[in-house]
Protein backbone atom coordinates (compact mmCIF):
# COMPACT_ATOMS: atom_id res chain seq x y z
CA MET A 1 106.95 50.19 101.79
CA SER A 2 110.04 52.25 101.16
CA PRO A 3 109.63 56.04 101.12
CA LEU A 4 109.91 55.97 97.32
CA GLY A 5 107.34 53.19 97.12
CA THR A 6 105.00 55.21 99.33
CA LEU A 7 105.19 58.19 96.98
CA ARG A 8 104.67 55.97 93.94
CA ARG A 9 101.57 54.48 95.54
CA MET A 10 100.13 57.95 96.18
CA HIS A 11 100.82 58.94 92.59
CA ALA A 12 99.00 55.81 91.42
CA ILE A 13 95.98 56.56 93.61
CA ALA A 14 95.27 60.13 92.47
CA GLY A 15 98.26 61.58 90.63
CA ALA A 16 100.81 64.28 91.37
CA PRO A 17 98.49 67.30 90.82
CA GLN A 18 96.42 66.38 93.88
CA LEU A 19 99.57 66.18 96.02
CA ILE A 20 100.90 69.50 94.74
CA VAL A 21 97.63 71.39 95.07
CA SER A 22 96.89 70.10 98.55
CA PHE A 23 100.40 71.01 99.69
CA LEU A 24 100.30 74.55 98.32
CA ALA A 25 96.81 75.06 99.75
CA ARG A 26 97.89 74.12 103.30
CA LEU A 27 101.29 75.85 103.20
CA PRO A 28 99.77 79.23 104.18
CA VAL A 29 98.59 77.89 107.56
CA SER A 30 102.09 77.78 109.05
CA MET A 31 103.00 81.00 107.23
CA VAL A 32 100.07 82.87 108.76
CA LEU A 33 100.74 81.65 112.30
CA ILE A 34 104.46 82.29 112.54
CA GLY A 35 104.28 85.27 110.17
CA THR A 36 101.70 86.94 112.39
CA LEU A 37 103.75 86.13 115.48
CA THR A 38 106.82 87.70 113.86
CA LEU A 39 104.93 90.69 112.45
CA VAL A 40 103.09 91.66 115.63
CA THR A 41 106.19 91.11 117.76
CA ALA A 42 108.21 93.36 115.45
CA GLU A 43 105.55 96.09 115.27
CA THR A 44 104.68 96.16 118.98
CA GLY A 45 107.97 95.04 120.52
CA SER A 46 106.10 92.47 122.65
CA VAL A 47 106.43 88.70 122.33
CA ALA A 48 103.32 88.35 124.49
CA ALA A 49 101.28 90.48 122.06
CA GLY A 50 102.59 88.45 119.12
CA GLY A 51 101.69 85.21 120.86
CA LEU A 52 98.23 86.51 121.73
CA VAL A 53 97.37 87.52 118.16
CA SER A 54 98.88 84.36 116.66
CA GLY A 55 97.03 82.29 119.25
CA ALA A 56 93.76 84.03 118.33
CA ILE A 57 94.14 82.81 114.75
CA ALA A 58 94.67 79.26 115.97
CA LEU A 59 91.74 79.44 118.37
CA GLY A 60 89.45 80.80 115.66
CA GLU A 61 90.44 77.96 113.35
CA ALA A 62 89.85 75.41 116.10
CA LEU A 63 86.30 76.69 116.62
CA GLY A 64 85.41 77.14 112.96
CA GLY A 65 87.17 74.08 111.56
CA PRO A 66 84.72 71.38 112.69
CA VAL A 67 81.79 73.48 111.47
CA ILE A 68 83.38 73.98 108.05
CA ALA A 69 84.21 70.27 107.80
CA ARG A 70 80.66 69.36 108.84
CA PHE A 71 79.28 71.41 105.96
CA ALA A 72 81.86 69.85 103.62
CA ASP A 73 80.82 66.32 104.66
CA ARG A 74 77.12 67.10 104.11
CA LEU A 75 77.17 69.51 101.15
CA GLY A 76 80.35 68.39 99.42
CA GLN A 77 83.89 69.74 99.63
CA ARG A 78 83.81 71.88 96.50
CA PRO A 79 81.38 74.71 97.41
CA VAL A 80 82.48 74.90 101.05
CA VAL A 81 86.24 75.03 100.44
CA LEU A 82 85.85 77.46 97.53
CA ALA A 83 83.84 79.95 99.59
CA THR A 84 86.06 79.81 102.66
CA SER A 85 89.27 80.12 100.63
CA VAL A 86 88.24 83.38 98.99
CA LEU A 87 86.76 84.84 102.19
CA ASP A 88 89.74 83.93 104.36
CA ALA A 89 92.24 85.49 101.95
CA ALA A 90 90.40 88.80 102.29
CA LEU A 91 90.22 88.56 106.10
CA ILE A 92 93.96 87.90 106.46
CA ALA A 93 94.76 90.91 104.28
CA ALA A 94 92.49 93.04 106.47
CA MET A 95 94.29 91.81 109.59
CA VAL A 96 97.68 92.85 108.18
CA ALA A 97 96.29 96.29 107.36
CA ALA A 98 95.08 96.59 110.95
CA VAL A 99 98.55 95.76 112.30
CA TYR A 100 100.24 98.40 110.17
CA SER A 101 97.61 101.00 111.01
CA GLY A 102 98.50 100.71 114.70
CA ALA A 103 95.12 99.30 115.71
CA PRO A 104 94.71 98.49 119.42
CA LEU A 105 95.53 94.98 120.57
CA PRO A 106 91.87 93.91 121.17
CA LEU A 107 91.02 94.78 117.57
CA LEU A 108 94.03 92.83 116.29
CA VAL A 109 92.97 89.83 118.34
CA ALA A 110 89.40 90.05 117.02
CA SER A 111 90.48 90.34 113.37
CA ALA A 112 92.92 87.45 113.81
CA ALA A 113 90.24 85.25 115.38
CA LEU A 114 87.86 85.99 112.50
CA ALA A 115 90.53 85.07 109.95
CA GLY A 116 91.14 81.79 111.76
CA LEU A 117 87.42 81.10 112.01
CA CYS A 118 87.05 81.05 108.21
CA MET A 119 90.26 79.18 107.34
CA PRO A 120 89.56 76.33 104.86
CA GLN A 121 90.30 72.92 106.35
CA ILE A 122 92.63 71.62 103.65
CA GLY A 123 94.58 69.11 105.73
CA PRO A 124 91.67 67.15 107.26
CA LEU A 125 89.62 67.23 104.06
CA ALA A 126 92.62 66.09 102.04
CA ARG A 127 93.06 63.14 104.41
CA SER A 128 89.42 62.13 104.05
CA ARG A 129 89.77 62.51 100.28
CA TRP A 130 92.83 60.24 100.13
CA ILE A 131 91.24 57.62 102.40
CA ALA A 132 88.11 57.55 100.24
CA LEU A 133 90.30 56.95 97.19
CA ALA A 134 92.29 54.26 99.01
CA ASN A 135 89.07 52.48 100.00
CA ARG A 136 88.44 51.79 96.34
CA ARG A 137 91.60 49.67 96.19
CA GLU A 138 90.17 46.64 97.99
CA HIS A 139 93.19 44.43 97.25
CA ASP A 140 95.62 46.67 99.18
CA ARG A 141 93.39 49.04 101.08
CA GLU A 142 95.40 49.04 104.35
CA ARG A 143 98.74 49.68 102.66
CA SER A 144 97.19 52.49 100.63
CA VAL A 145 95.69 54.10 103.74
CA ALA A 146 99.04 53.82 105.51
CA ALA A 147 100.73 55.49 102.55
CA ALA A 148 98.10 58.23 102.46
CA LEU A 149 98.42 59.08 106.15
CA SER A 150 102.22 59.04 106.00
CA VAL A 151 102.37 61.29 102.97
CA GLU A 152 99.74 63.62 104.45
CA GLY A 153 101.87 63.88 107.57
CA VAL A 154 104.87 64.69 105.39
CA LEU A 155 102.92 67.38 103.54
CA ASP A 156 101.93 68.96 106.86
CA GLU A 157 105.46 68.83 108.22
CA THR A 158 106.98 70.04 104.96
CA GLY A 159 104.60 72.96 105.22
CA PHE A 160 106.01 73.66 108.66
CA VAL A 161 109.49 73.62 107.09
CA VAL A 162 108.82 75.65 103.97
CA GLY A 163 106.30 78.03 105.57
CA PRO A 164 108.54 79.33 108.37
CA ALA A 165 111.50 79.34 106.01
CA LEU A 166 109.58 81.56 103.58
CA VAL A 167 108.53 83.83 106.43
CA GLY A 168 112.13 84.08 107.61
CA LEU A 169 113.46 84.83 104.14
CA LEU A 170 110.78 87.42 103.37
CA ALA A 171 111.23 89.03 106.81
CA VAL A 172 114.95 89.43 106.14
CA ALA A 173 114.58 90.50 102.51
CA ALA A 174 111.49 92.69 102.85
CA ASP A 175 109.03 92.66 105.76
CA PRO A 176 107.05 90.07 107.80
CA GLY A 177 103.82 91.60 106.51
CA ILE A 178 104.76 90.57 102.97
CA ALA A 179 104.94 86.97 104.14
CA VAL A 180 101.46 87.10 105.69
CA LEU A 181 100.01 88.72 102.57
CA GLY A 182 101.70 86.04 100.48
CA ALA A 183 99.97 83.44 102.61
CA ALA A 184 96.62 85.12 101.93
CA PHE A 185 97.34 84.94 98.20
CA LEU A 186 98.18 81.23 98.41
CA ILE A 187 94.99 80.48 100.33
CA GLY A 188 92.85 82.27 97.76
CA VAL A 189 94.48 80.68 94.72
CA PHE A 190 95.39 77.16 95.76
CA GLY A 191 92.53 76.73 98.21
CA SER A 192 90.23 77.36 95.25
CA ALA A 193 92.22 74.95 93.11
CA PHE A 194 91.90 72.28 95.81
CA ALA A 195 88.14 72.85 95.90
CA LEU A 196 87.80 72.51 92.13
CA HIS A 197 90.02 69.42 91.80
CA PRO A 198 88.13 66.38 90.38
CA THR A 199 88.84 64.33 93.51
CA ALA A 200 86.66 66.61 95.69
CA LEU A 201 84.25 64.44 97.67
CA PRO A 202 80.48 64.93 97.32
CA GLY A 203 78.20 65.26 100.31
CA ALA A 204 77.17 62.14 102.23
CA PRO A 205 73.56 60.92 102.41
CA GLY A 206 71.61 62.46 105.27
CA GLY A 207 71.36 59.29 107.38
CA ALA A 208 75.04 58.37 107.14
CA ALA A 209 76.08 61.94 107.88
CA LYS A 210 74.24 61.80 111.22
CA GLU A 211 76.26 58.87 112.60
CA SER A 212 77.69 59.83 115.99
CA LEU A 213 81.27 61.00 116.53
CA ALA A 214 80.96 60.27 120.27
CA ARG A 215 83.34 57.32 120.19
CA ILE A 216 85.68 56.83 123.10
CA GLY A 217 88.63 55.98 120.88
CA LEU A 218 88.21 59.25 118.99
CA LEU A 219 87.62 61.40 122.08
CA VAL A 220 90.71 60.05 123.85
CA LEU A 221 92.91 61.06 120.90
CA THR A 222 92.02 64.72 121.36
CA VAL A 223 94.17 64.83 124.52
CA PRO A 224 97.57 63.84 123.05
CA MET A 225 96.79 65.92 119.97
CA PHE A 226 96.05 68.90 122.23
CA CYS A 227 99.42 68.28 123.87
CA GLN A 228 101.05 68.20 120.43
CA GLY A 229 99.57 71.61 119.68
CA LEU A 230 100.62 72.90 123.09
CA PHE A 231 104.12 71.72 122.23
CA PHE A 232 104.06 73.49 118.85
CA GLY A 233 102.80 76.79 120.28
CA ALA A 234 105.25 76.81 123.18
CA THR A 235 108.23 75.74 121.07
CA SER A 236 107.64 78.33 118.34
CA THR A 237 107.29 81.03 120.99
CA GLY A 238 110.40 79.78 122.78
CA VAL A 239 112.40 79.88 119.56
CA THR A 240 111.14 83.40 118.86
CA ALA A 241 112.13 84.51 122.37
CA PHE A 242 115.54 82.83 122.01
CA THR A 243 116.32 84.58 118.74
CA GLN A 244 115.01 87.90 120.09
CA GLU A 245 117.34 87.65 123.09
CA ALA A 246 120.20 86.83 120.73
CA GLY A 247 119.40 89.89 118.61
CA HIS A 248 118.33 87.93 115.52
CA GLY A 249 114.55 87.78 115.81
CA ASP A 250 114.05 87.68 112.05
CA VAL A 251 115.53 84.16 111.79
CA ALA A 252 113.02 82.55 114.18
CA GLY A 253 111.17 80.94 111.26
CA LEU A 254 114.35 79.45 109.87
CA MET A 255 115.34 78.02 113.26
CA TYR A 256 111.90 76.50 113.79
CA ALA A 257 111.97 74.98 110.32
CA VAL A 258 114.90 72.74 111.31
CA MET A 259 112.54 70.67 113.44
CA GLY A 260 110.17 70.22 110.53
CA VAL A 261 112.87 68.65 108.35
CA SER A 262 113.40 65.61 110.59
CA SER A 263 109.68 65.48 111.39
CA ALA A 264 108.76 65.21 107.70
CA LEU A 265 111.36 62.53 107.00
CA SER A 266 110.43 60.44 110.05
CA GLY A 267 106.73 60.78 109.18
CA LEU A 268 107.36 59.45 105.67
CA MET A 269 109.21 56.47 107.15
CA MET A 270 106.08 55.47 109.10
CA ALA A 271 104.72 53.72 106.01
CA SER A 272 107.76 51.42 106.23
CA VAL A 273 106.90 50.20 109.75
CA PRO A 274 105.62 46.59 109.64
CA ALA A 275 101.88 46.21 110.10
CA SER A 276 102.59 43.89 113.03
CA VAL A 277 103.64 46.92 115.11
CA PRO A 278 100.31 48.24 116.48
CA LEU A 279 99.47 51.91 116.24
CA PRO A 280 99.19 52.45 120.04
CA LEU A 281 102.76 51.15 120.45
CA ARG A 282 103.99 53.50 117.72
CA LEU A 283 102.23 56.36 119.50
CA ARG A 284 103.97 55.58 122.81
CA ALA A 285 107.40 55.31 121.23
CA ALA A 286 106.96 58.66 119.44
CA ALA A 287 105.75 60.42 122.59
CA LEU A 288 108.73 59.05 124.52
CA MET A 289 111.10 60.39 121.86
CA MET A 290 109.50 63.84 122.08
CA THR A 291 109.77 63.92 125.87
CA VAL A 292 113.41 62.87 126.02
CA CYS A 293 114.45 65.31 123.31
CA SER A 294 112.60 68.23 124.94
CA VAL A 295 114.96 68.25 127.92
CA PRO A 296 117.93 69.85 126.06
CA LEU A 297 115.79 72.89 125.24
CA LEU A 298 115.98 73.90 128.92
CA LEU A 299 119.78 73.74 129.08
CA ALA A 300 120.29 77.19 127.54
CA PRO A 301 122.03 75.90 124.37
CA GLY A 302 123.66 78.21 121.88
CA PRO A 303 122.24 78.56 118.37
CA ILE A 304 123.93 75.38 117.14
CA GLY A 305 122.86 73.42 120.21
CA LEU A 306 119.29 74.62 119.83
CA ALA A 307 119.25 73.67 116.14
CA LEU A 308 120.50 70.15 116.97
CA ALA A 309 117.90 69.77 119.71
CA MET A 310 115.14 70.86 117.32
CA LEU A 311 116.40 68.39 114.72
CA ALA A 312 116.20 65.53 117.22
CA LEU A 313 112.73 66.59 118.37
CA GLY A 314 111.34 66.23 114.87
CA CYS A 315 112.14 62.50 114.89
CA GLY A 316 109.33 62.02 117.40
CA ILE A 317 106.86 64.59 116.11
CA GLY A 318 106.24 63.11 112.65
CA PRO A 319 105.51 59.56 113.91
CA HIS A 320 103.36 60.96 116.75
CA ILE A 321 101.07 62.87 114.39
CA VAL A 322 100.87 60.08 111.79
CA SER A 323 99.98 57.54 114.51
CA LEU A 324 97.26 59.81 115.95
CA PHE A 325 95.60 60.30 112.56
CA GLY A 326 95.93 56.58 111.85
CA LEU A 327 94.06 55.79 115.06
CA ALA A 328 91.46 58.46 114.27
CA GLU A 329 90.76 56.85 110.89
CA ARG A 330 90.10 53.53 112.67
CA ALA A 331 87.78 55.11 115.24
CA ALA A 332 85.65 57.43 113.06
CA PRO A 333 82.52 56.65 110.99
CA ALA A 334 83.37 56.78 107.29
CA ALA A 335 80.63 59.28 106.37
CA ARG A 336 81.97 61.80 108.89
CA LEU A 337 85.68 61.23 108.40
CA GLY A 338 86.32 64.81 107.30
CA GLN A 339 84.77 66.23 110.45
CA ALA A 340 86.45 63.60 112.64
CA MET A 341 89.85 64.53 111.23
CA THR A 342 89.04 68.20 111.78
CA VAL A 343 88.03 67.60 115.40
CA ILE A 344 91.41 65.95 116.01
CA LEU A 345 93.20 68.77 114.23
CA SER A 346 91.19 71.35 116.16
CA SER A 347 92.52 69.83 119.36
CA LEU A 348 96.01 70.49 118.06
CA ILE A 349 95.09 74.05 117.13
CA VAL A 350 93.52 74.79 120.53
CA GLY A 351 96.68 73.47 122.14
CA GLN A 352 98.78 75.61 119.85
CA SER A 353 96.74 78.66 120.80
CA VAL A 354 97.06 77.98 124.53
CA GLY A 355 100.75 77.20 124.12
CA SER A 356 101.45 80.43 122.26
CA MET A 357 99.65 82.56 124.85
CA ALA A 358 101.05 80.82 127.95
CA ALA A 359 104.57 80.52 126.61
CA GLY A 360 104.58 84.15 125.50
CA ARG A 361 103.77 85.29 129.02
CA LEU A 362 106.35 82.94 130.57
CA ALA A 363 108.99 84.04 128.05
CA GLU A 364 108.58 87.66 129.12
CA GLU A 365 108.89 86.67 132.79
CA PHE A 366 111.60 84.00 132.67
CA GLY A 367 113.15 84.12 129.21
CA PHE A 368 113.00 81.45 126.56
CA GLN A 369 113.46 78.67 129.16
CA GLY A 370 110.00 79.50 130.51
CA ALA A 371 108.47 78.81 127.11
CA PHE A 372 110.43 75.59 126.63
CA LEU A 373 109.24 74.35 130.04
CA VAL A 374 105.73 74.28 128.56
CA SER A 375 107.10 72.21 125.65
CA LEU A 376 108.52 69.62 128.04
CA GLY A 377 105.30 69.45 130.07
CA ALA A 378 103.22 68.98 126.92
CA SER A 379 105.33 66.11 125.58
CA ALA A 380 105.41 64.40 129.00
CA THR A 381 101.61 64.59 129.26
CA ALA A 382 101.21 63.14 125.76
CA LEU A 383 103.43 60.24 126.81
CA ALA A 384 101.39 59.63 129.96
CA VAL A 385 98.13 59.51 128.00
CA ALA A 386 99.54 57.28 125.26
CA ALA A 387 100.98 54.84 127.79
CA GLY A 388 98.22 54.85 130.36
CA VAL A 389 94.95 55.56 128.53
CA VAL A 390 94.96 54.61 124.81
CA ARG A 391 93.71 51.04 124.30
CA SER A 392 93.84 48.94 121.12
CA ARG A 393 90.30 47.60 121.57
CA TRP A 394 88.85 51.03 120.79
CA TYR A 395 90.13 50.95 117.20
CA ARG A 396 88.89 48.66 114.47
CA ALA A 397 91.37 46.46 112.67
CA ALA A 398 91.61 45.96 108.92
CA GLY A 399 88.32 44.76 107.48
CA GLN A 400 86.26 45.41 110.61
CA GLY A 401 83.23 47.64 110.80
CA SER A 402 82.92 50.86 112.76
CA PRO A 403 83.99 50.71 116.41
CA ALA A 404 81.46 51.21 119.16
CA PRO A 405 80.38 54.67 120.32
CA ALA A 406 81.45 55.98 123.70
CA GLY A 407 78.31 54.86 125.52
CA ALA A 408 78.59 51.28 124.29
CA ALA A 409 82.28 51.11 125.12
């Protein structure tokens, strides 16, 4: 499929409103993370403090996400997403108030973790929603699933372009806190709209919902996805440290958004890859691209050099994420797809939390190169796992039943 054909297929499956609502509902995630990093760094003067608070949001989401998705799979998406959207909007606003009131760092970390804990899981639940709709198209199920995962990857990456860009613009024009409050507003409004959309999935029958997630193919994927999150957290912190050293800390979001442009475009192109190219091979090629393109970050480039390096990095990130979610869809039981997708995403979020915290400390000790060293290590580890551990036999092919659980494998 061409990129245009992919978008047309998605429009045919559920229509443009579902695409728009799910995008606007997930956009605040990147805004909250980098907005909080920018806000706390600006208010405290410490990149390490900014990374710690931003990492607490990510860690809270990683812990709460699978629980929220579990309830959504059993009780239905509508009530669960609606409740968490409204609650999380209020918690984010309270966190911003705490930052401006000069609250001590432990309190900021606690409020950030609570906000992350209640964040609605729009991305994973949207993927399970699209796949359920694609399953109804028996004549072209695999092509529809491929289109869904590619477009979902593009929506995520576009969020990482638009979100940081909005944070950067609002930080320059007004204040970073305005950007975080804007994210809270978007979560409350469009998270609720996503919950109320007619495509919201009902709960699964009790027996099907108890099918085990302990499948070796699914568990293995958490490692490269953790590395992807580690890469994100370290790279965003490294970019923030770079722009702070250059005296232009308020453009960190704009600089980071450059990477998301190429990532979104390359992710959309994944639906054009022939089906004869297996997903594990796509995963290895993407991880190799990330590793090679991480090296220039350590060479102390100027602003233009850094922007070009970030642009090249995105060409590996989009295909890496799309391939991981494609493999997860082939490893997970259908009745627990929402939770399976959330477990994979939580691995990314935990990695992002660890990356933000570790890279923030290294950036204060060694400058931005210390943070980017974590980025290189994360991409190299993802490549090692993809090349040496991931096996095709753990993932069902088109038309096959569920793969075996970990014990049977």
